[in-house]
Amino acid sequence: NAKNTVYLQMNSLKPEDTAVYYCARH
């Protein structure tokens, strides 16, 4: 929150994870 940033660490990636990834605010 000090950096106004959200992260997504993605490990063990699979071909089915292929996509455009979007962040969003509730």
PDB file of all heavy atoms in Angstrom:
ATOM      1  N   ASN A   1       0.811  -1.219   0.000  1.00  0.00           N
ATOM      2  CA  ASN A   1       0.000   0.000   0.000  1.00  0.00           C
ATOM      3  C   ASN A   1       0.849   1.276   0.000  1.00  0.00           C
ATOM      4  O   ASN A   1       0.384   2.324  -0.450  1.00  0.00           O
ATOM      5  CB  ASN A   1      -0.953  -0.008   1.187  1.00  0.00           C
ATOM      6  CG  ASN A   1      -2.105  -0.992   1.001  1.00  0.00           C
ATOM      7  OD1 ASN A   1      -2.408  -1.409  -0.125  1.00  0.00           O
ATOM      8  ND2 ASN A   1      -2.740  -1.380   2.093  1.00  0.00           N
ATOM      9  N   ALA A   2       2.063   1.176   0.485  1.00  0.00           N
ATOM     10  CA  ALA A   2       2.943   2.347   0.458  1.00  0.00           C
ATOM     11  C   ALA A   2       3.345   2.697  -0.970  1.00  0.00           C
ATOM     12  O   ALA A   2       3.654   3.854  -1.264  1.00  0.00           O
ATOM     13  CB  ALA A   2       4.183   2.085   1.303  1.00  0.00           C
ATOM     14  N   LYS A   3       3.327   1.696  -1.838  1.00  0.00           N
ATOM     15  CA  LYS A   3       3.706   1.902  -3.242  1.00  0.00           C
ATOM     16  C   LYS A   3       2.498   1.894  -4.172  1.00  0.00           C
ATOM     17  O   LYS A   3       2.669   1.968  -5.391  1.00  0.00           O
ATOM     18  CB  LYS A   3       4.695   0.818  -3.679  1.00  0.00           C
ATOM     19  CG  LYS A   3       6.022   0.856  -2.949  1.00  0.00           C
ATOM     20  CD  LYS A   3       6.967  -0.209  -3.478  1.00  0.00           C
ATOM     21  CE  LYS A   3       8.315  -0.132  -2.772  1.00  0.00           C
ATOM     22  NZ  LYS A   3       9.256  -1.167  -3.274  1.00  0.00           N
ATOM     23  N   ASN A   4       1.302   1.763  -3.612  1.00  0.00           N
ATOM     24  CA  ASN A   4       0.090   1.696  -4.438  1.00  0.00           C
ATOM     25  C   ASN A   4       0.210   0.617  -5.520  1.00  0.00           C
ATOM     26  O   ASN A   4      -0.154   0.847  -6.696  1.00  0.00           O
ATOM     27  CB  ASN A   4      -0.214   3.050  -5.090  1.00  0.00           C
ATOM     28  CG  ASN A   4      -0.927   3.989  -4.147  1.00  0.00           C
ATOM     29  OD1 ASN A   4      -0.946   3.778  -2.943  1.00  0.00           O
ATOM     30  ND2 ASN A   4      -1.509   5.043  -4.688  1.00  0.00           N
ATOM     31  N   THR A   5       0.699  -0.530  -5.137  1.00  0.00           N
ATOM     32  CA  THR A   5       0.977  -1.588  -6.110  1.00  0.00           C
ATOM     33  C   THR A   5       0.462  -2.937  -5.607  1.00  0.00           C
ATOM     34  O   THR A   5       0.601  -3.247  -4.416  1.00  0.00           O
ATOM     35  CB  THR A   5       2.479  -1.680  -6.408  1.00  0.00           C
ATOM     36  OG1 THR A   5       2.937  -0.419  -6.894  1.00  0.00           O
ATOM     37  CG2 THR A   5       2.763  -2.745  -7.465  1.00  0.00           C
ATOM     38  N   VAL A   6      -0.108  -3.690  -6.528  1.00  0.00           N
ATOM     39  CA  VAL A   6      -0.518  -5.071  -6.235  1.00  0.00           C
ATOM     40  C   VAL A   6       0.267  -5.988  -7.166  1.00  0.00           C
ATOM     41  O   VAL A   6       0.572  -5.615  -8.313  1.00  0.00           O
ATOM     42  CB  VAL A   6      -2.042  -5.247  -6.396  1.00  0.00           C
ATOM     43  CG1 VAL A   6      -2.500  -4.938  -7.805  1.00  0.00           C
ATOM     44  CG2 VAL A   6      -2.478  -6.634  -5.967  1.00  0.00           C
ATOM     45  N   TYR A   7       0.603  -7.161  -6.669  1.00  0.00           N
ATOM     46  CA  TYR A   7       1.449  -8.098  -7.399  1.00  0.00           C
ATOM     47  C   TYR A   7       0.737  -9.437  -7.580  1.00  0.00           C
ATOM     48  O   TYR A   7      -0.138  -9.807  -6.796  1.00  0.00           O
ATOM     49  CB  TYR A   7       2.754  -8.336  -6.645  1.00  0.00           C
ATOM     50  CG  TYR A   7       3.524  -7.087  -6.318  1.00  0.00           C
ATOM     51  CD1 TYR A   7       3.419  -6.485  -5.069  1.00  0.00           C
ATOM     52  CD2 TYR A   7       4.374  -6.495  -7.265  1.00  0.00           C
ATOM     53  CE1 TYR A   7       4.122  -5.340  -4.764  1.00  0.00           C
ATOM     54  CE2 TYR A   7       5.079  -5.344  -6.959  1.00  0.00           C
ATOM     55  CZ  TYR A   7       4.950  -4.772  -5.715  1.00  0.00           C
ATOM     56  OH  TYR A   7       5.649  -3.635  -5.416  1.00  0.00           O
ATOM     57  N   LEU A   8       1.176 -10.161  -8.594  1.00  0.00           N
ATOM     58  CA  LEU A   8       0.741 -11.537  -8.774  1.00  0.00           C
ATOM     59  C   LEU A   8       1.970 -12.364  -9.134  1.00  0.00           C
ATOM     60  O   LEU A   8       2.505 -12.235 -10.244  1.00  0.00           O
ATOM     61  CB  LEU A   8      -0.325 -11.656  -9.866  1.00  0.00           C
ATOM     62  CG  LEU A   8      -0.935 -13.054 -10.003  1.00  0.00           C
ATOM     63  CD1 LEU A   8      -1.780 -13.382  -8.770  1.00  0.00           C
ATOM     64  CD2 LEU A   8      -1.785 -13.154 -11.272  1.00  0.00           C
ATOM     65  N   GLN A   9       2.429 -13.150  -8.183  1.00  0.00           N
ATOM     66  CA  GLN A   9       3.542 -14.062  -8.419  1.00  0.00           C
ATOM     67  C   GLN A   9       2.979 -15.349  -8.983  1.00  0.00           C
ATOM     68  O   GLN A   9       2.137 -16.000  -8.349  1.00  0.00           O
ATOM     69  CB  GLN A   9       4.295 -14.335  -7.113  1.00  0.00           C
ATOM     70  CG  GLN A   9       5.442 -15.322  -7.257  1.00  0.00           C
ATOM     71  CD  GLN A   9       6.570 -14.790  -8.107  1.00  0.00           C
ATOM     72  OE1 GLN A   9       6.975 -13.641  -7.965  1.00  0.00           O
ATOM     73  NE2 GLN A   9       7.097 -15.631  -8.981  1.00  0.00           N
ATOM     74  N   MET A  10       3.449 -15.724 -10.166  1.00  0.00           N
ATOM     75  CA  MET A  10       2.932 -16.908 -10.845  1.00  0.00           C
ATOM     76  C   MET A  10       4.054 -17.924 -11.006  1.00  0.00           C
ATOM     77  O   MET A  10       5.039 -17.648 -11.701  1.00  0.00           O
ATOM     78  CB  MET A  10       2.358 -16.522 -12.217  1.00  0.00           C
ATOM     79  CG  MET A  10       1.321 -15.404 -12.146  1.00  0.00           C
ATOM     80  SD  MET A  10       0.535 -15.074 -13.729  1.00  0.00           S
ATOM     81  CE  MET A  10       1.928 -14.476 -14.660  1.00  0.00           C
ATOM     82  N   ASN A  11       3.911 -19.057 -10.369  1.00  0.00           N
ATOM     83  CA  ASN A  11       4.892 -20.132 -10.434  1.00  0.00           C
ATOM     84  C   ASN A  11       4.285 -21.363 -11.104  1.00  0.00           C
ATOM     85  O   ASN A  11       3.067 -21.472 -11.239  1.00  0.00           O
ATOM     86  CB  ASN A  11       5.358 -20.494  -9.022  1.00  0.00           C
ATOM     87  CG  ASN A  11       6.042 -19.356  -8.309  1.00  0.00           C
ATOM     88  OD1 ASN A  11       6.676 -18.501  -8.934  1.00  0.00           O
ATOM     89  ND2 ASN A  11       5.914 -19.330  -6.998  1.00  0.00           N
ATOM     90  N   SER A  12       5.149 -22.265 -11.520  1.00  0.00           N
ATOM     91  CA  SER A  12       4.707 -23.515 -12.149  1.00  0.00           C
ATOM     92  C   SER A  12       3.697 -23.239 -13.259  1.00  0.00           C
ATOM     93  O   SER A  12       2.639 -23.875 -13.338  1.00  0.00           O
ATOM     94  CB  SER A  12       4.097 -24.448 -11.100  1.00  0.00           C
ATOM     95  OG  SER A  12       5.011 -24.727 -10.066  1.00  0.00           O
ATOM     96  N   LEU A  13       4.036 -22.315 -14.108  1.00  0.00           N
ATOM     97  CA  LEU A  13       3.104 -21.896 -15.147  1.00  0.00           C
ATOM     98  C   LEU A  13       2.836 -23.020 -16.138  1.00  0.00           C
ATOM     99  O   LEU A  13       3.715 -23.836 -16.441  1.00  0.00           O
ATOM    100  CB  LEU A  13       3.640 -20.668 -15.869  1.00  0.00           C
ATOM    101  CG  LEU A  13       3.464 -19.359 -15.083  1.00  0.00           C
ATOM    102  CD1 LEU A  13       4.397 -18.279 -15.605  1.00  0.00           C
ATOM    103  CD2 LEU A  13       2.021 -18.896 -15.156  1.00  0.00           C
ATOM    104  N   LYS A  14       1.602 -23.023 -16.636  1.00  0.00           N
ATOM    105  CA  LYS A  14       1.152 -24.040 -17.585  1.00  0.00           C
ATOM    106  C   LYS A  14       0.697 -23.343 -18.873  1.00  0.00           C
ATOM    107  O   LYS A  14       0.301 -22.178 -18.837  1.00  0.00           O
ATOM    108  CB  LYS A  14      -0.034 -24.805 -16.993  1.00  0.00           C
ATOM    109  CG  LYS A  14       0.234 -25.448 -15.649  1.00  0.00           C
ATOM    110  CD  LYS A  14      -1.030 -26.091 -15.095  1.00  0.00           C
ATOM    111  CE  LYS A  14      -0.794 -26.715 -13.729  1.00  0.00           C
ATOM    112  NZ  LYS A  14      -2.026 -27.344 -13.187  1.00  0.00           N
ATOM    113  N   PRO A  15       0.698 -24.040 -19.992  1.00  0.00           N
ATOM    114  CA  PRO A  15       0.210 -23.431 -21.231  1.00  0.00           C
ATOM    115  C   PRO A  15      -1.204 -22.877 -21.093  1.00  0.00           C
ATOM    116  O   PRO A  15      -1.532 -21.855 -21.713  1.00  0.00           O
ATOM    117  CB  PRO A  15       0.278 -24.589 -22.227  1.00  0.00           C
ATOM    118  CG  PRO A  15       1.400 -25.431 -21.724  1.00  0.00           C
ATOM    119  CD  PRO A  15       1.300 -25.368 -20.225  1.00  0.00           C
ATOM    120  N   GLU A  16      -2.027 -23.497 -20.289  1.00  0.00           N
ATOM    121  CA  GLU A  16      -3.404 -23.024 -20.113  1.00  0.00           C
ATOM    122  C   GLU A  16      -3.489 -21.728 -19.309  1.00  0.00           C
ATOM    123  O   GLU A  16      -4.567 -21.142 -19.192  1.00  0.00           O
ATOM    124  CB  GLU A  16      -4.288 -24.099 -19.474  1.00  0.00           C
ATOM    125  CG  GLU A  16      -3.715 -24.706 -18.218  1.00  0.00           C
ATOM    126  CD  GLU A  16      -3.008 -26.026 -18.484  1.00  0.00           C
ATOM    127  OE1 GLU A  16      -2.226 -26.101 -19.473  1.00  0.00           O
ATOM    128  OE2 GLU A  16      -3.213 -26.965 -17.686  1.00  0.00           O
ATOM    129  N   ASP A  17      -2.367 -21.258 -18.770  1.00  0.00           N
ATOM    130  CA  ASP A  17      -2.338 -19.952 -18.102  1.00  0.00           C
ATOM    131  C   ASP A  17      -2.156 -18.811 -19.110  1.00  0.00           C
ATOM    132  O   ASP A  17      -2.224 -17.640 -18.728  1.00  0.00           O
ATOM    133  CB  ASP A  17      -1.204 -19.887 -17.079  1.00  0.00           C
ATOM    134  CG  ASP A  17      -1.407 -20.847 -15.914  1.00  0.00           C
ATOM    135  OD1 ASP A  17      -2.555 -20.961 -15.429  1.00  0.00           O
ATOM    136  OD2 ASP A  17      -0.420 -21.479 -15.493  1.00  0.00           O
ATOM    137  N   THR A  18      -1.927 -19.149 -20.361  1.00  0.00           N
ATOM    138  CA  THR A  18      -1.747 -18.131 -21.396  1.00  0.00           C
ATOM    139  C   THR A  18      -3.006 -17.281 -21.529  1.00  0.00           C
ATOM    140  O   THR A  18      -4.109 -17.803 -21.726  1.00  0.00           O
ATOM    141  CB  THR A  18      -1.435 -18.793 -22.743  1.00  0.00           C
ATOM    142  OG1 THR A  18      -0.160 -19.448 -22.649  1.00  0.00           O
ATOM    143  CG2 THR A  18      -1.396 -17.764 -23.865  1.00  0.00           C
ATOM    144  N   ALA A  19      -2.835 -15.967 -21.377  1.00  0.00           N
ATOM    145  CA  ALA A  19      -3.969 -15.049 -21.408  1.00  0.00           C
ATOM    146  C   ALA A  19      -3.454 -13.627 -21.262  1.00  0.00           C
ATOM    147  O   ALA A  19      -2.278 -13.410 -20.952  1.00  0.00           O
ATOM    148  CB  ALA A  19      -4.945 -15.353 -20.269  1.00  0.00           C
ATOM    149  N   VAL A  20      -4.349 -12.683 -21.477  1.00  0.00           N
ATOM    150  CA  VAL A  20      -4.082 -11.303 -21.064  1.00  0.00           C
ATOM    151  C   VAL A  20      -4.547 -11.171 -19.620  1.00  0.00           C
ATOM    152  O   VAL A  20      -5.679 -11.543 -19.301  1.00  0.00           O
ATOM    153  CB  VAL A  20      -4.815 -10.296 -21.965  1.00  0.00           C
ATOM    154  CG1 VAL A  20      -4.571  -8.871 -21.471  1.00  0.00           C
ATOM    155  CG2 VAL A  20      -4.369 -10.447 -23.413  1.00  0.00           C
ATOM    156  N   TYR A  21      -3.671 -10.665 -18.778  1.00  0.00           N
ATOM    157  CA  TYR A  21      -3.970 -10.527 -17.353  1.00  0.00           C
ATOM    158  C   TYR A  21      -4.285  -9.059 -17.042  1.00  0.00           C
ATOM    159  O   TYR A  21      -3.539  -8.159 -17.434  1.00  0.00           O
ATOM    160  CB  TYR A  21      -2.792 -11.012 -16.517  1.00  0.00           C
ATOM    161  CG  TYR A  21      -2.712 -12.513 -16.451  1.00  0.00           C
ATOM    162  CD1 TYR A  21      -2.341 -13.258 -17.569  1.00  0.00           C
ATOM    163  CD2 TYR A  21      -3.042 -13.212 -15.289  1.00  0.00           C
ATOM    164  CE1 TYR A  21      -2.296 -14.647 -17.524  1.00  0.00           C
ATOM    165  CE2 TYR A  21      -2.986 -14.594 -15.228  1.00  0.00           C
ATOM    166  CZ  TYR A  21      -2.621 -15.304 -16.355  1.00  0.00           C
ATOM    167  OH  TYR A  21      -2.575 -16.680 -16.310  1.00  0.00           O
ATOM    168  N   TYR A  22      -5.369  -8.870 -16.312  1.00  0.00           N
ATOM    169  CA  TYR A  22      -5.845  -7.527 -15.954  1.00  0.00           C
ATOM    170  C   TYR A  22      -5.909  -7.386 -14.435  1.00  0.00           C
ATOM    171  O   TYR A  22      -6.347  -8.308 -13.744  1.00  0.00           O
ATOM    172  CB  TYR A  22      -7.247  -7.294 -16.492  1.00  0.00           C
ATOM    173  CG  TYR A  22      -7.395  -7.390 -17.980  1.00  0.00           C
ATOM    174  CD1 TYR A  22      -7.667  -8.607 -18.599  1.00  0.00           C
ATOM    175  CD2 TYR A  22      -7.264  -6.260 -18.783  1.00  0.00           C
ATOM    176  CE1 TYR A  22      -7.811  -8.698 -19.980  1.00  0.00           C
ATOM    177  CE2 TYR A  22      -7.411  -6.332 -20.151  1.00  0.00           C
ATOM    178  CZ  TYR A  22      -7.682  -7.561 -20.744  1.00  0.00           C
ATOM    179  OH  TYR A  22      -7.820  -7.632 -22.113  1.00  0.00           O
ATOM    180  N   CYS A  23      -5.506  -6.220 -13.955  1.00  0.00           N
ATOM    181  CA  CYS A  23      -5.801  -5.923 -12.562  1.00  0.00           C
ATOM    182  C   CYS A  23      -7.010  -4.984 -12.529  1.00  0.00           C
ATOM    183  O   CYS A  23      -7.301  -4.278 -13.504  1.00  0.00           O
ATOM    184  CB  CYS A  23      -4.613  -5.331 -11.828  1.00  0.00           C
ATOM    185  SG  CYS A  23      -4.190  -3.645 -12.277  1.00  0.00           S
ATOM    186  N   ALA A  24      -7.686  -4.999 -11.400  1.00  0.00           N
ATOM    187  CA  ALA A  24      -8.904  -4.213 -11.275  1.00  0.00           C
ATOM    188  C   ALA A  24      -9.112  -3.806  -9.818  1.00  0.00           C
ATOM    189  O   ALA A  24      -8.667  -4.503  -8.904  1.00  0.00           O
ATOM    190  CB  ALA A  24     -10.106  -5.012 -11.771  1.00  0.00           C
ATOM    191  N   ARG A  25      -9.815  -2.691  -9.644  1.00  0.00           N
ATOM    192  CA  ARG A  25     -10.144  -2.219  -8.305  1.00  0.00           C
ATOM    193  C   ARG A  25     -11.625  -2.475  -8.023  1.00  0.00           C
ATOM    194  O   ARG A  25     -12.499  -2.149  -8.839  1.00  0.00           O
ATOM    195  CB  ARG A  25      -9.850  -0.726  -8.183  1.00  0.00           C
ATOM    196  CG  ARG A  25      -9.822  -0.241  -6.729  1.00  0.00           C
ATOM    197  CD  ARG A  25      -9.882   1.256  -6.637  1.00  0.00           C
ATOM    198  NE  ARG A  25     -11.246   1.747  -6.846  1.00  0.00           N
ATOM    199  CZ  ARG A  25     -11.621   2.998  -6.643  1.00  0.00           C
ATOM    200  NH1 ARG A  25     -10.731   3.899  -6.233  1.00  0.00           N
ATOM    201  NH2 ARG A  25     -12.870   3.371  -6.853  1.00  0.00           N
ATOM    202  N   HIS A  26     -11.891  -3.028  -6.854  1.00  0.00           N
ATOM    203  CA  HIS A  26     -13.264  -3.295  -6.459  1.00  0.00           C
ATOM    204  C   HIS A  26     -14.019  -1.982  -6.303  1.00  0.00           C
ATOM    205  O   HIS A  26     -13.433  -0.946  -5.986  1.00  0.00           O
ATOM    206  CB  HIS A  26     -13.275  -4.079  -5.147  1.00  0.00           C
ATOM    207  CG  HIS A  26     -14.541  -4.832  -4.897  1.00  0.00           C
ATOM    208  ND1 HIS A  26     -15.618  -4.261  -4.284  1.00  0.00           N
ATOM    209  CD2 HIS A  26     -14.893  -6.113  -5.184  1.00  0.00           C
ATOM    210  CE1 HIS A  26     -16.589  -5.157  -4.188  1.00  0.00           C
ATOM    211  NE2 HIS A  26     -16.172  -6.288  -4.734  1.00  0.00           N
TER     212      HIS A  26
END
